[in-house]
All heavy atoms as atom14 arrays in JSON, in Angstrom:
{
  "sequence": "QEKTGQVTYGAIFMTVAREWRYLNCHSFDWLVDGEPMKPIEPA",
  "atom14_mask": [
    [1, 1, 1, 1, 1, 1, 1, 1, 1, 0, 0, 0, 0, 0],
    [1, 1, 1, 1, 1, 1, 1, 1, 1, 0, 0, 0, 0, 0],
    [1, 1, 1, 1, 1, 1, 1, 1, 1, 0, 0, 0, 0, 0],
    [1, 1, 1, 1, 1, 1, 1, 0, 0, 0, 0, 0, 0, 0],
    [1, 1, 1, 1, 0, 0, 0, 0, 0, 0, 0, 0, 0, 0],
    [1, 1, 1, 1, 1, 1, 1, 1, 1, 0, 0, 0, 0, 0],
    [1, 1, 1, 1, 1, 1, 1, 0, 0, 0, 0, 0, 0, 0],
    [1, 1, 1, 1, 1, 1, 1, 0, 0, 0, 0, 0, 0, 0],
    [1, 1, 1, 1, 1, 1, 1, 1, 1, 1, 1, 1, 0, 0],
    [1, 1, 1, 1, 0, 0, 0, 0, 0, 0, 0, 0, 0, 0],
    [1, 1, 1, 1, 1, 0, 0, 0, 0, 0, 0, 0, 0, 0],
    [1, 1, 1, 1, 1, 1, 1, 1, 0, 0, 0, 0, 0, 0],
    [1, 1, 1, 1, 1, 1, 1, 1, 1, 1, 1, 0, 0, 0],
    [1, 1, 1, 1, 1, 1, 1, 1, 0, 0, 0, 0, 0, 0],
    [1, 1, 1, 1, 1, 1, 1, 0, 0, 0, 0, 0, 0, 0],
    [1, 1, 1, 1, 1, 1, 1, 0, 0, 0, 0, 0, 0, 0],
    [1, 1, 1, 1, 1, 0, 0, 0, 0, 0, 0, 0, 0, 0],
    [1, 1, 1, 1, 1, 1, 1, 1, 1, 1, 1, 0, 0, 0],
    [1, 1, 1, 1, 1, 1, 1, 1, 1, 0, 0, 0, 0, 0],
    [1, 1, 1, 1, 1, 1, 1, 1, 1, 1, 1, 1, 1, 1],
    [1, 1, 1, 1, 1, 1, 1, 1, 1, 1, 1, 0, 0, 0],
    [1, 1, 1, 1, 1, 1, 1, 1, 1, 1, 1, 1, 0, 0],
    [1, 1, 1, 1, 1, 1, 1, 1, 0, 0, 0, 0, 0, 0],
    [1, 1, 1, 1, 1, 1, 1, 1, 0, 0, 0, 0, 0, 0],
    [1, 1, 1, 1, 1, 1, 0, 0, 0, 0, 0, 0, 0, 0],
    [1, 1, 1, 1, 1, 1, 1, 1, 1, 1, 0, 0, 0, 0],
    [1, 1, 1, 1, 1, 1, 0, 0, 0, 0, 0, 0, 0, 0],
    [1, 1, 1, 1, 1, 1, 1, 1, 1, 1, 1, 0, 0, 0],
    [1, 1, 1, 1, 1, 1, 1, 1, 0, 0, 0, 0, 0, 0],
    [1, 1, 1, 1, 1, 1, 1, 1, 1, 1, 1, 1, 1, 1],
    [1, 1, 1, 1, 1, 1, 1, 1, 0, 0, 0, 0, 0, 0],
    [1, 1, 1, 1, 1, 1, 1, 0, 0, 0, 0, 0, 0, 0],
    [1, 1, 1, 1, 1, 1, 1, 1, 0, 0, 0, 0, 0, 0],
    [1, 1, 1, 1, 0, 0, 0, 0, 0, 0, 0, 0, 0, 0],
    [1, 1, 1, 1, 1, 1, 1, 1, 1, 0, 0, 0, 0, 0],
    [1, 1, 1, 1, 1, 1, 1, 0, 0, 0, 0, 0, 0, 0],
    [1, 1, 1, 1, 1, 1, 1, 1, 0, 0, 0, 0, 0, 0],
    [1, 1, 1, 1, 1, 1, 1, 1, 1, 0, 0, 0, 0, 0],
    [1, 1, 1, 1, 1, 1, 1, 0, 0, 0, 0, 0, 0, 0],
    [1, 1, 1, 1, 1, 1, 1, 1, 0, 0, 0, 0, 0, 0],
    [1, 1, 1, 1, 1, 1, 1, 1, 1, 0, 0, 0, 0, 0],
    [1, 1, 1, 1, 1, 1, 1, 0, 0, 0, 0, 0, 0, 0],
    [1, 1, 1, 1, 1, 0, 0, 0, 0, 0, 0, 0, 0, 0]
  ],
  "atom14_positions": [
    [[180.78, 74.18, -52.98], [180.46, 75.26, -52.06], [179.25, 75.98, -52.64], [179.35, 76.59, -53.72], [181.61, 76.21, -51.85], [181.26, 77.31, -50.86], [182.45, 78.19, -50.57], [183.51, 78.1, -51.19], [182.31, 79.07, -49.6], [0.0, 0.0, 0.0], [0.0, 0.0, 0.0], [0.0, 0.0, 0.0], [0.0, 0.0, 0.0], [0.0, 0.0, 0.0]],
    [[178.11, 75.89, -51.96], [176.89, 76.54, -52.44], [177.0, 78.05, -52.26], [177.88, 78.52, -51.53], [175.68, 76.04, -51.61], [175.57, 74.53, -51.53], [174.77, 73.96, -52.67], [174.02, 74.69, -53.31], [174.91, 72.75, -52.91], [0.0, 0.0, 0.0], [0.0, 0.0, 0.0], [0.0, 0.0, 0.0], [0.0, 0.0, 0.0], [0.0, 0.0, 0.0]],
    [[176.1, 78.79, -52.86], [176.11, 80.23, -52.75], [175.89, 80.69, -51.31], [176.33, 81.75, -50.91], [175.13, 80.89, -53.69], [173.69, 80.56, -53.39], [172.78, 81.21, -54.41], [171.32, 80.84, -54.17], [170.46, 81.39, -55.17], [0.0, 0.0, 0.0], [0.0, 0.0, 0.0], [0.0, 0.0, 0.0], [0.0, 0.0, 0.0], [0.0, 0.0, 0.0]],
    [[175.26, 79.82, -50.49], [175.04, 80.11, -49.07], [176.33, 79.95, -48.25], [176.38, 80.31, -47.08], [173.98, 79.19, -48.48], [174.44, 77.83, -48.59], [172.65, 79.34, -49.2], [0.0, 0.0, 0.0], [0.0, 0.0, 0.0], [0.0, 0.0, 0.0], [0.0, 0.0, 0.0], [0.0, 0.0, 0.0], [0.0, 0.0, 0.0], [0.0, 0.0, 0.0]],
    [[177.33, 79.35, -48.86], [178.59, 79.07, -48.15], [178.67, 77.65, -47.65], [179.74, 77.2, -47.24], [0.0, 0.0, 0.0], [0.0, 0.0, 0.0], [0.0, 0.0, 0.0], [0.0, 0.0, 0.0], [0.0, 0.0, 0.0], [0.0, 0.0, 0.0], [0.0, 0.0, 0.0], [0.0, 0.0, 0.0], [0.0, 0.0, 0.0], [0.0, 0.0, 0.0]],
    [[177.56, 76.92, -47.67], [177.57, 75.53, -47.22], [178.42, 74.71, -48.16], [178.33, 74.82, -49.37], [176.15, 74.98, -47.19], [176.12, 73.54, -46.75], [174.7, 72.96, -46.74], [173.73, 73.67, -46.93], [174.61, 71.67, -46.53], [0.0, 0.0, 0.0], [0.0, 0.0, 0.0], [0.0, 0.0, 0.0], [0.0, 0.0, 0.0], [0.0, 0.0, 0.0]],
    [[179.26, 73.82, -47.58], [180.14, 72.97, -48.37], [179.66, 71.53, -48.22], [179.42, 71.07, -47.1], [181.6, 73.12, -47.91], [182.51, 72.17, -48.67], [182.07, 74.54, -48.07], [0.0, 0.0, 0.0], [0.0, 0.0, 0.0], [0.0, 0.0, 0.0], [0.0, 0.0, 0.0], [0.0, 0.0, 0.0], [0.0, 0.0, 0.0], [0.0, 0.0, 0.0]],
    [[179.54, 70.82, -49.35], [179.16, 69.43, -49.32], [180.24, 68.6, -50.04], [180.83, 69.05, -51.0], [177.83, 69.16, -50.01], [177.87, 69.66, -51.36], [176.67, 69.84, -49.26], [0.0, 0.0, 0.0], [0.0, 0.0, 0.0], [0.0, 0.0, 0.0], [0.0, 0.0, 0.0], [0.0, 0.0, 0.0], [0.0, 0.0, 0.0], [0.0, 0.0, 0.0]],
    [[180.47, 67.41, -49.52], [181.44, 66.48, -50.06], [180.67, 65.23, -50.5], [179.76, 64.8, -49.8], [182.46, 66.1, -49.0], [183.26, 67.25, -48.5], [182.77, 68.1, -47.51], [184.52, 67.53, -49.02], [183.49, 69.19, -47.06], [185.27, 68.6, -48.57], [184.75, 69.43, -47.61], [185.46, 70.52, -47.16], [0.0, 0.0, 0.0], [0.0, 0.0, 0.0]],
    [[181.04, 64.66, -51.63], [180.34, 63.48, -52.09], [181.11, 62.62, -53.03], [182.12, 63.04, -53.63], [0.0, 0.0, 0.0], [0.0, 0.0, 0.0], [0.0, 0.0, 0.0], [0.0, 0.0, 0.0], [0.0, 0.0, 0.0], [0.0, 0.0, 0.0], [0.0, 0.0, 0.0], [0.0, 0.0, 0.0], [0.0, 0.0, 0.0], [0.0, 0.0, 0.0]],
    [[180.63, 61.39, -53.17], [181.19, 60.43, -54.11], [180.02, 59.93, -54.96], [178.94, 59.61, -54.45], [181.83, 59.27, -53.37], [0.0, 0.0, 0.0], [0.0, 0.0, 0.0], [0.0, 0.0, 0.0], [0.0, 0.0, 0.0], [0.0, 0.0, 0.0], [0.0, 0.0, 0.0], [0.0, 0.0, 0.0], [0.0, 0.0, 0.0], [0.0, 0.0, 0.0]],
    [[180.25, 59.92, -56.26], [179.24, 59.47, -57.21], [179.8, 58.29, -57.99], [180.93, 58.37, -58.5], [178.87, 60.62, -58.2], [178.37, 61.82, -57.42], [177.83, 60.14, -59.22], [178.27, 63.08, -58.28], [0.0, 0.0, 0.0], [0.0, 0.0, 0.0], [0.0, 0.0, 0.0], [0.0, 0.0, 0.0], [0.0, 0.0, 0.0], [0.0, 0.0, 0.0]],
    [[179.02, 57.24, -58.1], [179.42, 56.05, -58.83], [178.38, 55.77, -59.88], [177.19, 55.72, -59.59], [179.56, 54.86, -57.88], [180.58, 55.1, -56.8], [180.2, 55.69, -55.62], [181.9, 54.78, -57.01], [181.13, 55.97, -54.64], [182.85, 55.05, -56.03], [182.48, 55.66, -54.83], [0.0, 0.0, 0.0], [0.0, 0.0, 0.0], [0.0, 0.0, 0.0]],
    [[178.8, 55.65, -61.13], [177.87, 55.51, -62.23], [178.2, 54.28, -63.05], [179.37, 54.0, -63.35], [177.9, 56.73, -63.12], [176.77, 56.74, -64.13], [177.07, 57.82, -65.51], [178.12, 56.75, -66.45], [0.0, 0.0, 0.0], [0.0, 0.0, 0.0], [0.0, 0.0, 0.0], [0.0, 0.0, 0.0], [0.0, 0.0, 0.0], [0.0, 0.0, 0.0]],
    [[177.13, 53.55, -63.46], [177.32, 52.37, -64.32], [176.37, 52.48, -65.5], [175.33, 53.12, -65.43], [177.02, 51.07, -63.57], [175.66, 51.06, -63.17], [177.93, 50.86, -62.38], [0.0, 0.0, 0.0], [0.0, 0.0, 0.0], [0.0, 0.0, 0.0], [0.0, 0.0, 0.0], [0.0, 0.0, 0.0], [0.0, 0.0, 0.0], [0.0, 0.0, 0.0]],
    [[176.77, 51.83, -66.59], [175.94, 51.71, -67.78], [175.84, 50.22, -68.06], [176.85, 49.52, -68.14], [176.58, 52.41, -69.01], [175.69, 52.23, -70.22], [176.8, 53.88, -68.71], [0.0, 0.0, 0.0], [0.0, 0.0, 0.0], [0.0, 0.0, 0.0], [0.0, 0.0, 0.0], [0.0, 0.0, 0.0], [0.0, 0.0, 0.0], [0.0, 0.0, 0.0]],
    [[174.59, 49.71, -68.18], [174.39, 48.28, -68.43], [173.12, 48.11, -69.21], [172.38, 49.05, -69.47], [174.29, 47.55, -67.09], [0.0, 0.0, 0.0], [0.0, 0.0, 0.0], [0.0, 0.0, 0.0], [0.0, 0.0, 0.0], [0.0, 0.0, 0.0], [0.0, 0.0, 0.0], [0.0, 0.0, 0.0], [0.0, 0.0, 0.0], [0.0, 0.0, 0.0]],
    [[172.86, 46.88, -69.61], [171.65, 46.58, -70.41], [170.44, 46.46, -69.5], [169.3, 46.47, -69.98], [171.84, 45.3, -71.21], [172.87, 45.46, -72.28], [172.62, 44.39, -73.36], [173.58, 44.49, -74.4], [173.48, 45.31, -75.45], [172.43, 46.11, -75.54], [174.38, 45.37, -76.39], [0.0, 0.0, 0.0], [0.0, 0.0, 0.0], [0.0, 0.0, 0.0]],
    [[170.66, 46.26, -68.2], [169.54, 46.12, -67.27], [169.91, 46.78, -65.94], [171.05, 47.07, -65.69], [169.14, 44.68, -67.08], [170.25, 43.81, -66.55], [169.9, 42.34, -66.56], [169.26, 41.87, -67.48], [170.31, 41.67, -65.58], [0.0, 0.0, 0.0], [0.0, 0.0, 0.0], [0.0, 0.0, 0.0], [0.0, 0.0, 0.0], [0.0, 0.0, 0.0]],
    [[168.9, 46.99, -65.12], [169.1, 47.61, -63.81], [169.99, 46.71, -62.92], [169.72, 45.52, -62.85], [167.78, 47.86, -63.12], [166.88, 48.84, -63.81], [165.88, 48.57, -64.68], [166.97, 50.26, -63.72], [165.32, 49.72, -65.12], [165.95, 50.79, -64.53], [167.78, 51.14, -63.02], [165.72, 52.14, -64.68], [167.57, 52.5, -63.17], [166.56, 52.97, -63.99]],
    [[170.98, 47.3, -62.29], [171.8, 46.54, -61.34], [171.51, 46.96, -59.91], [171.58, 46.16, -58.99], [173.29, 46.8, -61.6], [173.83, 46.11, -62.82], [175.26, 46.51, -63.14], [176.22, 46.1, -62.11], [177.52, 46.4, -62.17], [177.97, 47.09, -63.19], [178.32, 46.01, -61.22], [0.0, 0.0, 0.0], [0.0, 0.0, 0.0], [0.0, 0.0, 0.0]],
    [[171.25, 48.24, -59.69], [171.16, 48.77, -58.32], [169.81, 49.4, -57.99], [169.68, 50.07, -56.97], [172.29, 49.78, -58.1], [173.64, 49.19, -58.34], [174.5, 49.66, -59.3], [174.08, 48.08, -57.57], [175.73, 49.11, -59.51], [175.31, 47.52, -57.79], [176.15, 48.05, -58.77], [177.38, 47.48, -58.98], [0.0, 0.0, 0.0], [0.0, 0.0, 0.0]],
    [[168.82, 49.17, -58.81], [167.51, 49.8, -58.58], [166.92, 49.42, -57.21], [166.47, 50.27, -56.46], [166.52, 49.44, -59.69], [165.13, 50.01, -59.61], [165.17, 51.53, -59.67], [164.24, 49.45, -60.72], [0.0, 0.0, 0.0], [0.0, 0.0, 0.0], [0.0, 0.0, 0.0], [0.0, 0.0, 0.0], [0.0, 0.0, 0.0], [0.0, 0.0, 0.0]],
    [[166.95, 48.14, -56.9], [166.34, 47.65, -55.66], [167.34, 47.42, -54.55], [166.95, 47.14, -53.43], [165.55, 46.36, -55.93], [164.39, 46.62, -56.86], [163.65, 47.58, -56.66], [164.23, 45.77, -57.85], [0.0, 0.0, 0.0], [0.0, 0.0, 0.0], [0.0, 0.0, 0.0], [0.0, 0.0, 0.0], [0.0, 0.0, 0.0], [0.0, 0.0, 0.0]],
    [[168.62, 47.49, -54.84], [169.64, 47.27, -53.82], [170.81, 48.2, -54.13], [171.58, 47.94, -55.05], [170.11, 45.82, -53.83], [171.43, 45.5, -52.61], [0.0, 0.0, 0.0], [0.0, 0.0, 0.0], [0.0, 0.0, 0.0], [0.0, 0.0, 0.0], [0.0, 0.0, 0.0], [0.0, 0.0, 0.0], [0.0, 0.0, 0.0], [0.0, 0.0, 0.0]],
    [[170.91, 49.29, -53.4], [172.04, 50.22, -53.59], [172.66, 50.62, -52.27], [173.11, 51.73, -52.08], [171.58, 51.47, -54.42], [170.33, 52.09, -53.92], [169.11, 51.74, -54.43], [170.12, 53.03, -52.99], [168.16, 52.45, -53.81], [168.78, 53.24, -52.93], [0.0, 0.0, 0.0], [0.0, 0.0, 0.0], [0.0, 0.0, 0.0], [0.0, 0.0, 0.0]],
    [[172.68, 49.65, -51.35], [173.39, 49.89, -50.1], [174.85, 50.12, -50.42], [175.37, 49.65, -51.44], [173.23, 48.67, -49.16], [173.73, 47.51, -49.78], [0.0, 0.0, 0.0], [0.0, 0.0, 0.0], [0.0, 0.0, 0.0], [0.0, 0.0, 0.0], [0.0, 0.0, 0.0], [0.0, 0.0, 0.0], [0.0, 0.0, 0.0], [0.0, 0.0, 0.0]],
    [[175.55, 50.86, -49.58], [176.94, 51.24, -49.87], [177.74, 51.06, -48.62], [177.38, 51.49, -47.53], [176.96, 52.7, -50.3], [178.21, 53.05, -51.02], [178.27, 53.07, -52.39], [179.4, 53.3, -50.3], [179.46, 53.37, -53.07], [180.57, 53.6, -50.97], [180.59, 53.62, -52.35], [0.0, 0.0, 0.0], [0.0, 0.0, 0.0], [0.0, 0.0, 0.0]],
    [[178.89, 50.4, -48.76], [179.8, 50.17, -47.62], [181.22, 50.56, -48.06], [181.61, 50.31, -49.17], [179.76, 48.71, -47.2], [178.4, 48.3, -46.73], [177.93, 48.82, -45.71], [177.77, 47.43, -47.38], [0.0, 0.0, 0.0], [0.0, 0.0, 0.0], [0.0, 0.0, 0.0], [0.0, 0.0, 0.0], [0.0, 0.0, 0.0], [0.0, 0.0, 0.0]],
    [[181.98, 51.11, -47.11], [183.39, 51.46, -47.31], [184.29, 50.63, -46.42], [183.91, 50.36, -45.27], [183.66, 52.89, -46.94], [183.01, 54.0, -47.72], [181.89, 54.68, -47.39], [183.48, 54.56, -48.94], [181.62, 55.62, -48.34], [182.58, 55.59, -49.32], [184.55, 54.28, -49.78], [182.72, 56.34, -50.45], [184.7, 55.06, -50.92], [183.79, 56.05, -51.25]],
    [[185.45, 50.26, -46.9], [186.53, 49.74, -46.09], [187.75, 50.63, -46.41], [188.22, 50.64, -47.53], [186.89, 48.3, -46.44], [186.14, 47.19, -45.74], [186.62, 45.83, -46.24], [186.25, 47.27, -44.23], [0.0, 0.0, 0.0], [0.0, 0.0, 0.0], [0.0, 0.0, 0.0], [0.0, 0.0, 0.0], [0.0, 0.0, 0.0], [0.0, 0.0, 0.0]],
    [[188.2, 51.37, -45.42], [189.34, 52.29, -45.59], [190.47, 51.76, -44.78], [190.42, 51.68, -43.54], [188.94, 53.73, -45.18], [190.1, 54.66, -45.37], [187.72, 54.2, -45.94], [0.0, 0.0, 0.0], [0.0, 0.0, 0.0], [0.0, 0.0, 0.0], [0.0, 0.0, 0.0], [0.0, 0.0, 0.0], [0.0, 0.0, 0.0], [0.0, 0.0, 0.0]],
    [[191.54, 51.33, -45.49], [192.69, 50.7, -44.84], [192.23, 49.55, -43.95], [192.72, 49.39, -42.83], [193.54, 51.72, -44.08], [194.3, 52.65, -45.04], [194.63, 52.2, -46.15], [194.54, 53.8, -44.67], [0.0, 0.0, 0.0], [0.0, 0.0, 0.0], [0.0, 0.0, 0.0], [0.0, 0.0, 0.0], [0.0, 0.0, 0.0], [0.0, 0.0, 0.0]],
    [[191.28, 48.79, -44.43], [190.77, 47.59, -43.71], [189.74, 47.86, -42.65], [189.22, 46.93, -42.04], [0.0, 0.0, 0.0], [0.0, 0.0, 0.0], [0.0, 0.0, 0.0], [0.0, 0.0, 0.0], [0.0, 0.0, 0.0], [0.0, 0.0, 0.0], [0.0, 0.0, 0.0], [0.0, 0.0, 0.0], [0.0, 0.0, 0.0], [0.0, 0.0, 0.0]],
    [[189.42, 49.13, -42.38], [188.47, 49.48, -41.34], [187.19, 50.02, -41.96], [187.24, 50.85, -42.88], [189.04, 50.55, -40.41], [190.28, 50.12, -39.64], [189.97, 49.02, -38.66], [188.9, 49.07, -38.0], [190.83, 48.12, -38.47], [0.0, 0.0, 0.0], [0.0, 0.0, 0.0], [0.0, 0.0, 0.0], [0.0, 0.0, 0.0], [0.0, 0.0, 0.0]],
    [[185.99, 49.57, -41.45], [184.77, 50.12, -41.98], [184.65, 51.64, -41.75], [185.08, 52.14, -40.7], [183.68, 49.39, -41.19], [184.35, 48.17, -40.64], [185.8, 48.56, -40.44], [0.0, 0.0, 0.0], [0.0, 0.0, 0.0], [0.0, 0.0, 0.0], [0.0, 0.0, 0.0], [0.0, 0.0, 0.0], [0.0, 0.0, 0.0], [0.0, 0.0, 0.0]],
    [[184.12, 52.35, -42.72], [183.82, 53.76, -42.57], [182.31, 53.93, -42.71], [181.74, 53.63, -43.77], [184.55, 54.6, -43.64], [184.33, 56.09, -43.49], [185.36, 57.1, -44.62], [184.39, 56.96, -46.14], [0.0, 0.0, 0.0], [0.0, 0.0, 0.0], [0.0, 0.0, 0.0], [0.0, 0.0, 0.0], [0.0, 0.0, 0.0], [0.0, 0.0, 0.0]],
    [[181.68, 54.35, -41.65], [180.21, 54.45, -41.61], [179.76, 55.67, -42.42], [180.25, 56.78, -42.2], [179.75, 54.56, -40.17], [178.26, 54.53, -40.03], [177.87, 54.57, -38.56], [176.41, 54.84, -38.39], [175.6, 53.7, -38.29], [0.0, 0.0, 0.0], [0.0, 0.0, 0.0], [0.0, 0.0, 0.0], [0.0, 0.0, 0.0], [0.0, 0.0, 0.0]],
    [[178.79, 55.49, -43.34], [178.28, 56.62, -44.11], [177.57, 57.63, -43.23], [176.99, 57.24, -42.22], [177.33, 55.99, -45.13], [177.35, 54.52, -44.9], [178.17, 54.24, -43.69], [0.0, 0.0, 0.0], [0.0, 0.0, 0.0], [0.0, 0.0, 0.0], [0.0, 0.0, 0.0], [0.0, 0.0, 0.0], [0.0, 0.0, 0.0], [0.0, 0.0, 0.0]],
    [[177.56, 58.88, -43.63], [176.84, 59.91, -42.86], [175.38, 59.92, -43.24], [174.57, 60.51, -42.54], [177.46, 61.31, -43.06], [177.42, 61.75, -44.51], [178.86, 61.37, -42.52], [177.74, 63.24, -44.72], [0.0, 0.0, 0.0], [0.0, 0.0, 0.0], [0.0, 0.0, 0.0], [0.0, 0.0, 0.0], [0.0, 0.0, 0.0], [0.0, 0.0, 0.0]],
    [[175.03, 59.27, -44.35], [173.64, 59.18, -44.8], [173.53, 57.96, -45.7], [174.53, 57.5, -46.26], [173.23, 60.45, -45.54], [174.08, 60.72, -46.77], [173.76, 62.08, -47.41], [173.3, 62.98, -46.74], [174.03, 62.19, -48.61], [0.0, 0.0, 0.0], [0.0, 0.0, 0.0], [0.0, 0.0, 0.0], [0.0, 0.0, 0.0], [0.0, 0.0, 0.0]],
    [[172.29, 57.43, -45.87], [172.13, 56.31, -46.79], [172.48, 56.72, -48.23], [172.3, 57.88, -48.61], [170.66, 55.93, -46.66], [170.19, 56.59, -45.4], [171.06, 57.77, -45.18], [0.0, 0.0, 0.0], [0.0, 0.0, 0.0], [0.0, 0.0, 0.0], [0.0, 0.0, 0.0], [0.0, 0.0, 0.0], [0.0, 0.0, 0.0], [0.0, 0.0, 0.0]],
    [[172.92, 55.78, -48.98], [173.21, 56.04, -50.42], [171.92, 56.39, -51.13], [170.86, 55.86, -50.82], [173.86, 54.81, -51.04], [0.0, 0.0, 0.0], [0.0, 0.0, 0.0], [0.0, 0.0, 0.0], [0.0, 0.0, 0.0], [0.0, 0.0, 0.0], [0.0, 0.0, 0.0], [0.0, 0.0, 0.0], [0.0, 0.0, 0.0], [0.0, 0.0, 0.0]]
  ]
}
């Protein structure tokens, strides 16, 4: 909840590796109980 009162919800996924995994491809898809959940914005 920002000082303006605006509330944001988010999910953050972090990896550590020897080389880039998601630099050029970081599309994100959800399946919730077998049904696709469309993102509200691109990852």
